[in-house]
């Protein structure tokens, strides 16, 4: 059974940092592309970042590029998202998701639930001014 469990969310001030983690199980983590998606209050699902499962290539949304860093530790079956220089508009529920394919890429439209087969329960990030 595929399981994705996020942690690391919390309350932080503008300009602060957080490090989110996603512990994965039930599949061969090292060969699978992994993605972070977020949903701000009252808004749709927004793609944040992807790391592919073949070459470790990374892709970022324009809104987070240069501030967030996606990474993975295949030995620990764990995905990370380092959030730096945080803004109030980063306030959202952050989800770790996957389709179990190896290829990664960018998304230019709003994410739909059925774009990814597996979702974690989410971790809340709140940025205060």
N, C-alpha and C. Protein backbone atom coordinates (compact mmCIF):
# COMPACT_ATOMS: atom_id res chain seq x y z
N UNK A 1 0.84 -1.20 0.00
CA UNK A 1 0.00 0.00 0.00
C UNK A 1 0.88 1.25 0.00
N UNK A 2 0.58 2.13 -0.94
CA UNK A 2 1.33 3.39 -1.02
C UNK A 2 0.91 4.30 0.12
N UNK A 3 1.90 4.83 0.84
CA UNK A 3 1.62 5.80 1.89
C UNK A 3 2.57 6.97 1.79
N UNK A 4 2.03 8.17 1.94
CA UNK A 4 2.80 9.41 1.95
C UNK A 4 2.41 10.18 3.20
N UNK A 5 3.39 10.50 4.03
CA UNK A 5 3.10 11.19 5.28
C UNK A 5 3.95 12.44 5.40
N UNK A 6 3.30 13.60 5.34
CA UNK A 6 4.01 14.87 5.43
C UNK A 6 4.18 15.30 6.88
N UNK A 7 5.21 16.09 7.12
CA UNK A 7 5.43 16.69 8.42
C UNK A 7 6.26 17.96 8.25
N UNK A 8 6.34 18.75 9.31
CA UNK A 8 7.21 19.92 9.29
C UNK A 8 6.51 21.25 9.13
N UNK A 9 5.21 21.23 8.92
CA UNK A 9 4.49 22.49 8.80
C UNK A 9 4.43 23.25 10.11
N UNK A 10 3.96 24.48 10.05
CA UNK A 10 3.85 25.28 11.26
C UNK A 10 3.62 26.74 10.96
N UNK A 11 3.78 27.55 12.00
CA UNK A 11 3.60 28.99 11.89
C UNK A 11 4.97 29.66 11.85
N UNK A 12 5.16 30.55 10.87
CA UNK A 12 6.44 31.23 10.73
C UNK A 12 6.18 32.67 10.30
N UNK A 13 7.10 33.56 10.62
CA UNK A 13 6.95 34.96 10.24
C UNK A 13 7.46 35.18 8.82
N UNK A 14 7.02 36.25 8.22
CA UNK A 14 7.50 36.63 6.89
C UNK A 14 9.03 36.68 6.89
N UNK A 15 9.61 36.07 5.85
CA UNK A 15 11.06 36.01 5.75
C UNK A 15 11.69 34.80 6.40
N UNK A 16 10.88 34.05 7.12
CA UNK A 16 11.38 32.88 7.83
C UNK A 16 11.51 31.65 6.94
N UNK A 17 11.85 30.52 7.57
CA UNK A 17 12.10 29.28 6.85
C UNK A 17 11.41 28.10 7.53
N UNK A 18 11.09 27.10 6.73
CA UNK A 18 10.58 25.82 7.22
C UNK A 18 11.14 24.73 6.33
N UNK A 19 11.20 23.52 6.88
CA UNK A 19 11.60 22.37 6.07
C UNK A 19 10.54 21.29 6.20
N UNK A 20 9.86 21.03 5.10
CA UNK A 20 8.82 20.01 5.08
C UNK A 20 9.43 18.67 4.69
N UNK A 21 8.88 17.60 5.25
CA UNK A 21 9.32 16.25 4.91
C UNK A 21 8.11 15.42 4.49
N UNK A 22 8.38 14.43 3.65
CA UNK A 22 7.35 13.48 3.24
C UNK A 22 7.96 12.09 3.28
N UNK A 23 7.48 11.27 4.19
CA UNK A 23 7.97 9.90 4.31
C UNK A 23 7.12 9.01 3.43
N UNK A 24 7.78 8.26 2.54
CA UNK A 24 7.07 7.44 1.55
C UNK A 24 7.28 5.96 1.81
N UNK A 25 6.27 5.17 1.50
CA UNK A 25 6.39 3.71 1.63
C UNK A 25 5.43 3.04 0.67
N UNK A 26 5.68 1.76 0.39
CA UNK A 26 4.78 0.98 -0.44
C UNK A 26 5.14 0.96 -1.92
N UNK A 27 6.26 1.60 -2.29
CA UNK A 27 6.70 1.59 -3.68
C UNK A 27 8.21 1.85 -3.70
N UNK A 28 8.82 1.69 -4.90
CA UNK A 28 10.26 1.90 -5.05
C UNK A 28 10.52 3.40 -5.19
N UNK A 29 10.75 4.04 -4.05
CA UNK A 29 10.82 5.50 -3.98
C UNK A 29 11.89 6.08 -4.91
N UNK A 30 13.05 5.44 -5.00
CA UNK A 30 14.19 6.03 -5.71
C UNK A 30 13.94 6.24 -7.19
N UNK A 31 13.02 5.51 -7.79
CA UNK A 31 12.81 5.61 -9.23
C UNK A 31 11.56 6.39 -9.61
N UNK A 32 10.94 7.02 -8.64
CA UNK A 32 9.65 7.68 -8.85
C UNK A 32 9.76 9.19 -8.74
N UNK A 33 9.13 9.91 -9.68
CA UNK A 33 9.06 11.37 -9.58
C UNK A 33 8.12 11.75 -8.43
N UNK A 34 8.54 12.76 -7.67
CA UNK A 34 7.75 13.20 -6.53
C UNK A 34 7.46 14.70 -6.65
N UNK A 35 6.32 15.11 -6.17
CA UNK A 35 5.86 16.48 -6.37
C UNK A 35 5.27 17.04 -5.09
N UNK A 36 5.44 18.35 -4.92
CA UNK A 36 4.74 19.10 -3.86
C UNK A 36 3.67 19.97 -4.53
N UNK A 37 2.48 19.92 -3.95
CA UNK A 37 1.34 20.72 -4.39
C UNK A 37 0.81 21.45 -3.16
N UNK A 38 0.28 22.66 -3.34
CA UNK A 38 -0.27 23.37 -2.19
C UNK A 38 -1.65 23.94 -2.51
N UNK A 39 -2.40 24.18 -1.45
CA UNK A 39 -3.72 24.78 -1.61
C UNK A 39 -3.90 25.86 -0.56
N UNK A 40 -3.96 27.10 -1.01
CA UNK A 40 -4.20 28.23 -0.12
C UNK A 40 -5.68 28.30 0.21
N UNK A 41 -6.02 28.94 1.32
CA UNK A 41 -7.43 29.04 1.72
C UNK A 41 -8.29 29.66 0.62
N UNK A 42 -9.34 28.97 0.24
CA UNK A 42 -10.27 29.47 -0.76
C UNK A 42 -9.79 29.42 -2.19
N UNK A 43 -8.65 28.77 -2.43
CA UNK A 43 -8.09 28.71 -3.79
C UNK A 43 -7.94 27.27 -4.25
N UNK A 44 -7.59 27.11 -5.52
CA UNK A 44 -7.39 25.79 -6.09
C UNK A 44 -6.03 25.22 -5.76
N UNK A 45 -5.78 24.03 -6.28
CA UNK A 45 -4.51 23.35 -6.05
C UNK A 45 -3.44 23.92 -6.97
N UNK A 46 -2.30 24.26 -6.39
CA UNK A 46 -1.20 24.87 -7.13
C UNK A 46 0.03 23.96 -7.10
N UNK A 47 0.57 23.68 -8.28
CA UNK A 47 1.83 22.92 -8.36
C UNK A 47 2.96 23.78 -7.81
N UNK A 48 3.83 23.19 -7.00
CA UNK A 48 4.94 23.91 -6.38
C UNK A 48 6.29 23.47 -6.95
N UNK A 49 6.56 22.17 -6.91
CA UNK A 49 7.87 21.68 -7.35
C UNK A 49 7.81 20.18 -7.58
N UNK A 50 8.68 19.71 -8.48
CA UNK A 50 8.80 18.28 -8.80
C UNK A 50 10.27 17.91 -8.89
N UNK A 51 10.58 16.71 -8.42
CA UNK A 51 11.91 16.12 -8.63
C UNK A 51 11.71 14.79 -9.32
N UNK A 52 12.41 14.57 -10.42
CA UNK A 52 12.13 13.35 -11.17
C UNK A 52 12.83 12.15 -10.56
N UNK A 53 12.46 10.98 -11.02
CA UNK A 53 12.94 9.76 -10.41
C UNK A 53 14.09 9.12 -11.15
N UNK A 54 14.54 9.76 -12.22
CA UNK A 54 15.60 9.13 -13.01
C UNK A 54 16.93 9.85 -12.85
N UNK A 55 16.91 11.17 -13.02
CA UNK A 55 18.15 11.95 -13.00
C UNK A 55 18.20 12.98 -11.87
N UNK A 56 17.13 13.04 -11.10
CA UNK A 56 17.11 14.02 -10.02
C UNK A 56 16.87 15.44 -10.51
N UNK A 57 16.35 15.59 -11.73
CA UNK A 57 16.05 16.91 -12.25
C UNK A 57 14.95 17.56 -11.41
N UNK A 58 15.05 18.86 -11.25
CA UNK A 58 14.08 19.57 -10.43
C UNK A 58 13.37 20.64 -11.25
N UNK A 59 12.13 20.89 -10.90
CA UNK A 59 11.30 21.85 -11.60
C UNK A 59 10.53 22.65 -10.54
N UNK A 60 10.43 23.96 -10.77
CA UNK A 60 9.77 24.84 -9.79
C UNK A 60 8.75 25.75 -10.44
N UNK A 61 7.69 26.05 -9.69
CA UNK A 61 6.76 27.09 -10.10
C UNK A 61 7.47 28.43 -9.99
N UNK A 62 7.08 29.36 -10.85
CA UNK A 62 7.70 30.69 -10.83
C UNK A 62 7.54 31.36 -9.48
N UNK A 63 6.43 31.09 -8.82
CA UNK A 63 6.12 31.76 -7.56
C UNK A 63 7.06 31.36 -6.43
N UNK A 64 7.78 30.23 -6.60
CA UNK A 64 8.65 29.76 -5.51
C UNK A 64 10.10 29.62 -5.94
N UNK A 65 10.38 29.73 -7.23
CA UNK A 65 11.74 29.53 -7.72
C UNK A 65 12.69 30.52 -7.07
N UNK A 66 13.82 30.00 -6.59
CA UNK A 66 14.79 30.85 -5.92
C UNK A 66 14.58 30.95 -4.43
N UNK A 67 13.42 30.50 -3.95
CA UNK A 67 13.13 30.53 -2.51
C UNK A 67 12.95 29.14 -1.93
N UNK A 68 12.36 28.23 -2.70
CA UNK A 68 12.11 26.87 -2.23
C UNK A 68 13.09 25.91 -2.90
N UNK A 69 13.42 24.83 -2.20
CA UNK A 69 14.29 23.80 -2.75
C UNK A 69 13.69 22.42 -2.49
N UNK A 70 13.46 21.66 -3.56
CA UNK A 70 12.98 20.30 -3.42
C UNK A 70 14.17 19.36 -3.48
N UNK A 71 14.14 18.32 -2.64
CA UNK A 71 15.23 17.35 -2.63
C UNK A 71 14.70 16.02 -2.13
N UNK A 72 15.52 14.99 -2.25
CA UNK A 72 15.10 13.67 -1.81
C UNK A 72 16.28 12.92 -1.22
N UNK A 73 15.99 12.04 -0.27
CA UNK A 73 16.99 11.11 0.28
C UNK A 73 16.45 9.72 0.00
N UNK A 74 16.97 9.09 -1.05
CA UNK A 74 16.44 7.78 -1.45
C UNK A 74 16.73 6.69 -0.42
N UNK A 75 17.80 6.85 0.35
CA UNK A 75 18.12 5.87 1.39
C UNK A 75 17.09 5.88 2.51
N UNK A 76 16.47 7.06 2.71
CA UNK A 76 15.48 7.21 3.78
C UNK A 76 14.05 7.23 3.24
N UNK A 77 13.89 7.08 1.92
CA UNK A 77 12.55 7.15 1.30
C UNK A 77 11.82 8.42 1.71
N UNK A 78 12.53 9.53 1.66
CA UNK A 78 11.97 10.79 2.14
C UNK A 78 12.16 11.90 1.13
N UNK A 79 11.12 12.66 0.94
CA UNK A 79 11.11 13.84 0.08
C UNK A 79 11.11 15.07 0.99
N UNK A 80 11.80 16.13 0.55
CA UNK A 80 11.88 17.35 1.34
C UNK A 80 11.46 18.57 0.51
N UNK A 81 11.04 19.60 1.22
CA UNK A 81 10.85 20.91 0.60
C UNK A 81 11.33 21.96 1.60
N UNK A 82 12.44 22.61 1.25
CA UNK A 82 12.97 23.69 2.07
C UNK A 82 12.34 25.00 1.62
N UNK A 83 11.69 25.68 2.54
CA UNK A 83 11.00 26.93 2.22
C UNK A 83 11.77 28.08 2.89
N UNK A 84 12.32 28.97 2.08
CA UNK A 84 13.06 30.12 2.59
C UNK A 84 12.41 31.41 2.13
N UNK A 85 12.77 32.51 2.78
CA UNK A 85 12.25 33.84 2.41
C UNK A 85 10.74 33.80 2.23
N UNK A 86 10.08 33.26 3.21
CA UNK A 86 8.66 32.98 3.07
C UNK A 86 7.82 34.25 3.07
N UNK A 87 6.71 34.17 2.32
CA UNK A 87 5.80 35.29 2.17
C UNK A 87 4.42 34.87 2.67
N UNK A 88 3.58 35.84 2.96
CA UNK A 88 2.23 35.51 3.44
C UNK A 88 1.47 34.69 2.41
N UNK A 89 1.76 34.92 1.13
CA UNK A 89 1.07 34.14 0.09
C UNK A 89 1.52 32.69 0.00
N UNK A 90 2.51 32.30 0.79
CA UNK A 90 2.91 30.90 0.87
C UNK A 90 2.03 30.12 1.85
N UNK A 91 1.16 30.82 2.57
CA UNK A 91 0.25 30.15 3.50
C UNK A 91 -0.65 29.19 2.73
N UNK A 92 -0.61 27.92 3.12
CA UNK A 92 -1.37 26.89 2.39
C UNK A 92 -1.20 25.55 3.09
N UNK A 93 -2.03 24.61 2.66
CA UNK A 93 -1.82 23.22 3.01
C UNK A 93 -0.90 22.65 1.93
N UNK A 94 0.19 22.00 2.35
CA UNK A 94 1.17 21.45 1.41
C UNK A 94 1.03 19.94 1.36
N UNK A 95 0.93 19.41 0.13
CA UNK A 95 0.74 17.98 -0.08
C UNK A 95 1.91 17.39 -0.87
N UNK A 96 2.30 16.20 -0.46
CA UNK A 96 3.26 15.38 -1.17
C UNK A 96 2.46 14.43 -2.06
N UNK A 97 2.77 14.40 -3.36
CA UNK A 97 1.95 13.61 -4.29
C UNK A 97 2.84 12.88 -5.29
N UNK A 98 2.29 11.84 -5.91
CA UNK A 98 3.01 11.11 -6.95
C UNK A 98 2.03 10.38 -7.87
N UNK A 99 2.51 10.16 -9.11
CA UNK A 99 1.78 9.31 -10.06
C UNK A 99 2.48 7.96 -10.21
N UNK A 100 3.61 7.80 -9.53
CA UNK A 100 4.45 6.60 -9.58
C UNK A 100 5.23 6.45 -10.89
N UNK A 101 5.19 7.43 -11.77
CA UNK A 101 6.04 7.40 -12.94
C UNK A 101 7.41 7.97 -12.60
N UNK A 102 8.40 7.81 -13.51
CA UNK A 102 9.74 8.32 -13.21
C UNK A 102 9.98 9.71 -13.76
N UNK A 103 9.24 10.09 -14.79
CA UNK A 103 9.50 11.37 -15.44
C UNK A 103 8.87 12.53 -14.68
N UNK A 104 9.62 13.63 -14.63
CA UNK A 104 9.10 14.83 -13.99
C UNK A 104 8.96 15.94 -15.00
N UNK A 105 8.35 17.07 -14.57
CA UNK A 105 8.18 18.20 -15.46
C UNK A 105 7.44 19.30 -14.76
N UNK A 106 7.17 20.37 -15.50
CA UNK A 106 6.46 21.52 -14.94
C UNK A 106 4.97 21.44 -15.24
N UNK A 107 4.19 22.11 -14.43
CA UNK A 107 2.75 22.22 -14.65
C UNK A 107 2.42 23.71 -14.82
N UNK A 108 1.62 24.00 -15.83
CA UNK A 108 1.28 25.40 -16.08
C UNK A 108 -0.19 25.70 -15.80
N UNK A 109 -0.92 24.69 -15.39
CA UNK A 109 -2.33 24.91 -15.08
C UNK A 109 -2.60 24.48 -13.64
N UNK A 110 -3.81 24.80 -13.18
CA UNK A 110 -4.22 24.38 -11.85
C UNK A 110 -4.25 22.86 -11.79
N UNK A 111 -3.79 22.33 -10.69
CA UNK A 111 -3.77 20.89 -10.49
C UNK A 111 -5.17 20.39 -10.16
N UNK A 112 -5.50 19.22 -10.69
CA UNK A 112 -6.74 18.55 -10.32
C UNK A 112 -6.39 17.35 -9.45
N UNK A 113 -7.32 16.93 -8.63
CA UNK A 113 -7.08 15.79 -7.75
C UNK A 113 -6.66 14.55 -8.53
N UNK A 114 -7.26 14.34 -9.71
CA UNK A 114 -6.96 13.12 -10.45
C UNK A 114 -5.67 13.22 -11.29
N UNK A 115 -4.94 14.34 -11.17
CA UNK A 115 -3.64 14.44 -11.85
C UNK A 115 -2.60 13.53 -11.19
N UNK A 116 -2.79 13.26 -9.90
CA UNK A 116 -1.86 12.42 -9.17
C UNK A 116 -2.64 11.31 -8.45
N UNK A 117 -2.14 10.09 -8.55
CA UNK A 117 -2.87 8.94 -8.00
C UNK A 117 -2.79 8.87 -6.48
N UNK A 118 -1.67 9.40 -5.93
CA UNK A 118 -1.45 9.24 -4.49
C UNK A 118 -1.14 10.58 -3.83
N UNK A 119 -1.80 10.81 -2.69
CA UNK A 119 -1.68 12.06 -1.96
C UNK A 119 -1.42 11.79 -0.49
N UNK A 120 -0.60 12.61 0.12
CA UNK A 120 -0.48 12.57 1.56
C UNK A 120 -1.64 13.31 2.20
N UNK A 121 -1.64 13.36 3.53
CA UNK A 121 -2.74 14.02 4.23
C UNK A 121 -2.56 15.53 4.31
N UNK A 122 -1.36 16.00 4.01
CA UNK A 122 -1.09 17.43 4.00
C UNK A 122 -0.49 17.92 5.30
N UNK A 123 0.25 19.03 5.20
CA UNK A 123 0.79 19.70 6.38
C UNK A 123 0.56 21.21 6.21
N UNK A 124 0.06 21.85 7.24
CA UNK A 124 -0.33 23.25 7.15
C UNK A 124 0.87 24.17 7.39
N UNK A 125 1.02 25.13 6.50
CA UNK A 125 2.05 26.16 6.64
C UNK A 125 1.35 27.51 6.72
N UNK A 126 1.64 28.27 7.75
CA UNK A 126 1.05 29.59 7.92
C UNK A 126 2.15 30.62 8.09
N UNK A 127 2.12 31.65 7.25
CA UNK A 127 3.12 32.71 7.31
C UNK A 127 2.43 34.00 7.77
N UNK A 128 2.90 34.53 8.87
CA UNK A 128 2.30 35.74 9.41
C UNK A 128 3.18 36.96 9.11
N UNK A 129 2.53 38.10 8.95
CA UNK A 129 3.27 39.33 8.62
C UNK A 129 3.69 40.06 9.88
